[in-house]
Amino acid sequence: MSDFATARQNMVDCQVRPSDVTDIRVIDAMLAVPRENFVPKDRRALAYLDLDLVVSDPSAPKRSLLKPALLARLLQAGEIGAGDNVLVVGCASGYSVAVAARLAKQVVGTEPDAALAASAGASLSALGSGNARVIEAASPEGCAASGPYDVILVEGATEVVPEALYAQLAEGGRLVGVMAVDGVQRAMLVTRSGNDFGSRILFDASAPVLPGFARRPEFAF
């Protein structure tokens, strides 16, 4: 077993499983996708650590992959089915898209950083993820053209209500991500029923705020 394969197994055994991830499909997907392929070469030694791993160029706005255990818990909460159409918002270098692609029928990822979006597409192609693609797009926009979506994964935190993403959910669709609309970050599940959107707290969590989802400063007069 290669060093990376051993690290991947340890990631699942020491980070993912102890975080109450019991869905065997999610566990198998995390074991199958080589996370190091979605990390810059000079940071591959960090690929399986329990951290939000920065994958952007130092001269660009900071973009990160979510902690492995947090990603796994969000995927589990989304209950992605084999026939589902999935959107991953703010996918950075595309690792989450590759994992979701092993669970869903098709996956679209969006990423505002053009270089990262291109890198994600190349990595997915090299991995043979033919049911997944990444487009360059601002995170709040989503990708309405390929919707509606059974599941939307927001790979990062949002401090505002992502109304445009809600509108792209299919009937009965689920949106999962870290929300901090009230100033406190928590993993949330939002479900659609007609024009109503119900939400519930899943667990306490923390994640970098995605570009375009930061709360606007309030001015006091």
Protein backbone atom coordinates (compact mmCIF):
# COMPACT_ATOMS: atom_id res chain seq x y z
CA MET A 1 0.00 0.00 0.00
CA SER A 2 1.38 3.41 -0.98
CA ASP A 3 1.98 6.13 1.60
CA PHE A 4 -0.99 8.11 0.24
CA ALA A 5 -3.25 5.04 0.30
CA THR A 6 -2.27 4.43 3.91
CA ALA A 7 -2.93 8.08 4.74
CA ARG A 8 -6.33 7.82 3.04
CA GLN A 9 -7.26 4.78 5.11
CA ASN A 10 -6.12 6.55 8.27
CA MET A 11 -8.18 9.61 7.32
CA VAL A 12 -11.30 7.47 7.14
CA ASP A 13 -10.52 5.41 10.25
CA CYS A 14 -9.34 8.29 12.45
CA GLN A 15 -11.33 11.29 11.18
CA VAL A 16 -14.38 10.22 9.19
CA ARG A 17 -15.70 7.17 11.06
CA PRO A 18 -15.27 8.73 14.55
CA SER A 19 -17.36 11.70 13.36
CA ASP A 20 -20.53 9.58 13.22
CA VAL A 21 -20.25 8.91 9.50
CA THR A 22 -21.86 5.49 9.05
CA ASP A 23 -23.08 5.66 5.44
CA ILE A 24 -20.96 2.99 3.74
CA ARG A 25 -21.37 4.68 0.33
CA VAL A 26 -19.83 7.89 1.67
CA ILE A 27 -17.04 5.96 3.40
CA ASP A 28 -16.27 3.98 0.24
CA ALA A 29 -16.20 7.18 -1.83
CA MET A 30 -13.77 8.83 0.61
CA LEU A 31 -11.57 5.73 0.43
CA ALA A 32 -11.65 5.65 -3.36
CA VAL A 33 -10.83 9.25 -4.31
CA PRO A 34 -7.12 10.22 -4.10
CA ARG A 35 -7.31 13.58 -2.29
CA GLU A 36 -3.64 14.24 -3.04
CA ASN A 37 -4.53 14.58 -6.75
CA PHE A 38 -6.54 17.70 -5.90
CA VAL A 39 -3.81 19.38 -3.87
CA PRO A 40 -0.83 21.40 -5.20
CA LYS A 41 2.30 19.27 -5.34
CA ASP A 42 4.10 21.29 -2.68
CA ARG A 43 1.21 20.65 -0.23
CA ARG A 44 0.45 17.00 -0.95
CA ALA A 45 2.03 15.90 2.32
CA LEU A 46 -0.85 17.76 4.01
CA ALA A 47 -3.59 16.19 1.88
CA TYR A 48 -5.05 13.93 4.57
CA LEU A 49 -4.67 16.11 7.65
CA ASP A 50 -7.68 17.25 9.67
CA LEU A 51 -7.72 20.85 8.42
CA ASP A 52 -9.24 23.20 5.87
CA LEU A 53 -6.48 22.82 3.29
CA VAL A 54 -5.57 25.89 1.24
CA VAL A 55 -5.27 24.93 -2.44
CA SER A 56 -5.22 28.35 -4.14
CA ASP A 57 -2.18 30.16 -5.45
CA PRO A 58 -0.57 32.39 -2.78
CA SER A 59 -1.23 35.45 -4.96
CA ALA A 60 -4.95 34.66 -5.31
CA PRO A 61 -7.81 34.92 -2.79
CA LYS A 62 -7.59 32.05 -0.33
CA ARG A 63 -9.59 28.96 -1.32
CA SER A 64 -9.67 25.76 0.70
CA LEU A 65 -10.88 22.18 0.76
CA LEU A 66 -13.12 21.43 3.73
CA LYS A 67 -11.85 19.20 6.50
CA PRO A 68 -12.40 15.57 5.40
CA ALA A 69 -14.70 14.71 8.32
CA LEU A 70 -16.87 17.80 7.79
CA LEU A 71 -17.22 17.05 4.08
CA ALA A 72 -18.18 13.45 4.85
CA ARG A 73 -20.79 14.51 7.40
CA LEU A 74 -22.35 16.98 4.98
CA LEU A 75 -22.45 14.38 2.20
CA GLN A 76 -24.08 11.91 4.57
CA ALA A 77 -26.69 14.49 5.63
CA GLY A 78 -27.47 15.21 1.97
CA GLU A 79 -28.44 11.56 1.43
CA ILE A 80 -27.24 11.57 -2.18
CA GLY A 81 -28.91 8.85 -4.21
CA ALA A 82 -27.49 7.05 -7.25
CA GLY A 83 -29.96 8.85 -9.54
CA ASP A 84 -29.49 12.33 -8.08
CA ASN A 85 -28.42 15.53 -9.82
CA VAL A 86 -25.98 17.35 -7.52
CA LEU A 87 -24.49 20.84 -7.39
CA VAL A 88 -21.32 21.56 -5.39
CA VAL A 89 -20.90 25.29 -4.76
CA GLY A 90 -17.40 26.68 -4.26
CA CYS A 91 -15.68 23.37 -4.99
CA ALA A 92 -12.14 24.81 -5.07
CA SER A 93 -9.89 22.19 -6.71
CA GLY A 94 -12.74 19.71 -7.20
CA TYR A 95 -12.12 17.03 -4.57
CA SER A 96 -15.67 17.24 -3.22
CA VAL A 97 -17.04 16.96 -6.75
CA ALA A 98 -15.04 13.78 -7.32
CA VAL A 99 -16.36 12.25 -4.08
CA ALA A 100 -19.95 13.27 -4.83
CA ALA A 101 -19.61 11.85 -8.36
CA ARG A 102 -19.21 8.38 -6.85
CA LEU A 103 -22.57 8.80 -5.11
CA ALA A 104 -24.71 10.61 -7.71
CA LYS A 105 -25.83 10.32 -11.33
CA GLN A 106 -24.24 13.63 -12.26
CA VAL A 107 -22.46 16.47 -10.49
CA VAL A 108 -21.76 20.08 -11.41
CA GLY A 109 -19.24 22.05 -9.41
CA THR A 110 -18.84 25.82 -9.41
CA GLU A 111 -15.69 27.73 -8.52
CA PRO A 112 -15.04 31.49 -8.85
CA ASP A 113 -11.25 31.10 -9.21
CA ALA A 114 -10.64 30.47 -12.93
CA ALA A 115 -7.32 28.69 -12.41
CA LEU A 116 -8.79 26.39 -9.76
CA ALA A 117 -11.84 25.64 -11.90
CA ALA A 118 -9.58 24.62 -14.78
CA SER A 119 -7.40 22.54 -12.47
CA ALA A 120 -10.47 20.83 -11.02
CA GLY A 121 -11.71 19.92 -14.49
CA ALA A 122 -8.35 18.45 -15.44
CA SER A 123 -8.12 16.42 -12.21
CA LEU A 124 -11.64 15.04 -12.67
CA SER A 125 -10.84 14.08 -16.26
CA ALA A 126 -7.63 12.33 -15.20
CA LEU A 127 -9.57 10.42 -12.57
CA GLY A 128 -12.17 9.32 -15.13
CA SER A 129 -15.09 11.09 -13.44
CA GLY A 130 -17.16 11.32 -16.61
CA ASN A 131 -20.34 12.27 -14.76
CA ALA A 132 -18.80 15.39 -13.21
CA ARG A 133 -17.70 18.79 -14.43
CA VAL A 134 -16.65 22.14 -12.97
CA ILE A 135 -17.53 25.57 -14.31
CA GLU A 136 -16.19 29.00 -13.41
CA ALA A 137 -18.98 30.86 -11.65
CA ALA A 138 -19.54 33.08 -8.63
CA SER A 139 -20.68 30.98 -5.69
CA PRO A 140 -23.99 32.80 -5.00
CA GLU A 141 -25.12 32.21 -8.61
CA GLY A 142 -25.07 28.41 -8.52
CA CYS A 143 -25.73 26.91 -11.97
CA ALA A 144 -29.41 27.20 -12.82
CA ALA A 145 -28.90 25.90 -16.36
CA SER A 146 -28.13 22.38 -15.11
CA GLY A 147 -30.76 22.32 -12.36
CA PRO A 148 -32.96 21.69 -10.59
CA TYR A 149 -30.85 19.74 -8.11
CA ASP A 150 -31.73 16.95 -5.76
CA VAL A 151 -28.81 17.95 -3.54
CA ILE A 152 -26.76 21.14 -3.27
CA LEU A 153 -23.56 21.04 -1.23
CA VAL A 154 -22.14 24.41 -0.22
CA GLU A 155 -18.44 23.79 0.35
CA GLY A 156 -17.83 26.52 2.87
CA ALA A 157 -19.72 28.87 5.13
CA THR A 158 -22.30 31.47 4.20
CA GLU A 159 -23.23 34.47 6.32
CA VAL A 160 -26.24 35.32 4.16
CA VAL A 161 -29.29 33.32 3.08
CA PRO A 162 -28.36 31.76 -0.31
CA GLU A 163 -31.74 32.44 -1.92
CA ALA A 164 -30.56 31.83 -5.51
CA LEU A 165 -29.40 28.36 -4.48
CA TYR A 166 -32.68 27.60 -2.72
CA ALA A 167 -34.49 28.37 -5.99
CA GLN A 168 -32.36 25.76 -7.79
CA LEU A 169 -33.46 22.91 -5.53
CA ALA A 170 -35.84 20.33 -6.97
CA GLU A 171 -39.03 19.43 -5.12
CA GLY A 172 -37.88 17.52 -2.04
CA GLY A 173 -34.31 18.66 -2.68
CA ARG A 174 -31.74 19.10 0.09
CA LEU A 175 -29.13 21.80 0.61
CA VAL A 176 -26.33 21.18 3.09
CA GLY A 177 -23.60 23.53 4.22
CA VAL A 178 -22.29 25.64 7.06
CA MET A 179 -24.44 28.69 7.78
CA ALA A 180 -23.69 31.67 9.98
CA VAL A 181 -26.62 33.96 9.22
CA ASP A 182 -26.97 34.69 12.95
CA GLY A 183 -23.21 35.00 13.43
CA VAL A 184 -22.70 31.44 14.73
CA GLN A 185 -21.46 28.77 12.32
CA ARG A 186 -23.47 25.53 12.24
CA ALA A 187 -23.94 22.77 9.69
CA MET A 188 -27.49 23.05 8.35
CA LEU A 189 -29.90 21.01 6.23
CA VAL A 190 -32.47 22.88 4.13
CA THR A 191 -35.27 20.98 2.37
CA ARG A 192 -37.71 22.19 -0.27
CA SER A 193 -41.45 21.54 -0.28
CA GLY A 194 -43.15 23.61 -2.97
CA ASN A 195 -42.20 27.21 -2.27
CA ASP A 196 -41.42 26.50 1.37
CA PHE A 197 -37.94 25.82 2.71
CA GLY A 198 -37.51 24.11 6.04
CA SER A 199 -34.19 24.12 7.85
CA ARG A 200 -32.67 22.34 10.81
CA ILE A 201 -29.36 22.42 12.62
CA LEU A 202 -27.25 19.32 12.11
CA PHE A 203 -24.22 19.99 14.30
CA ASP A 204 -21.75 22.71 15.29
CA ALA A 205 -19.15 23.30 12.58
CA SER A 206 -16.71 25.84 11.24
CA ALA A 207 -15.54 26.53 7.71
CA PRO A 208 -14.04 29.39 5.69
CA VAL A 209 -16.65 31.79 4.34
CA LEU A 210 -17.08 31.39 0.59
CA PRO A 211 -16.48 34.39 -1.69
CA GLY A 212 -19.74 36.24 -2.23
CA PHE A 213 -21.35 34.86 0.90
CA ALA A 214 -19.87 37.25 3.46
CA ARG A 215 -22.22 39.49 5.41
CA ARG A 216 -22.21 43.09 4.26
CA PRO A 217 -20.84 45.48 6.90
CA GLU A 218 -23.51 47.44 8.72
CA PHE A 219 -23.04 51.18 9.03
CA ALA A 220 -24.13 53.00 12.16
CA PHE A 221 -25.02 56.66 11.94
